[in-house]
Amino acid sequence: MAGLYEFPPQELLQDKRVHEALGGNYKASLSCSELGTALRKSTVGPTAGQHSLPQAQAMKDVLMAVEDSLETTGGGLDPILRMPLAESLADYAADTDAILGIGDAEYVSNSSCSKPAWEDDTPDVVP
């Protein structure tokens, strides 16, 4: 079944943050499906829940670009693009929990959209 839009909003594809996040996978003519695949490759690593600093920066940049695109276009992303974006974001569940939960204030102070992605230098503790 075809999505609502065959191609993502041009504002999203032309956004410098998306271009940088996709790196070598960027093409100005990406379809929603191709963009979703490229976003997933750029933001999620081979091990679930583990991300490099460049992947975290790519996710942050993509989310900020999507927010701006939704505001510009009045909202709405093709379902074909929504799913890989949601799957990528779900891979950041532990990070999101740390930012939103009552815990380490360092996560909150470093989460501003004007700051680059950062890496927590404390070792992960697995219960």
Foldseek 3Di string as FASTA:
>chain_A
DDWPDQAWPLLLLPDPLLCQLLPPQRDSPDTLLSSLVSLLVSQDDPDQLDGDLSNVQSLLSNVVSVVVVCVVVVHDDIPSNVVSNVVSVVSNVVLVCCCPDPDDCVSVVQPDSVHGRDDDPDDDDDD
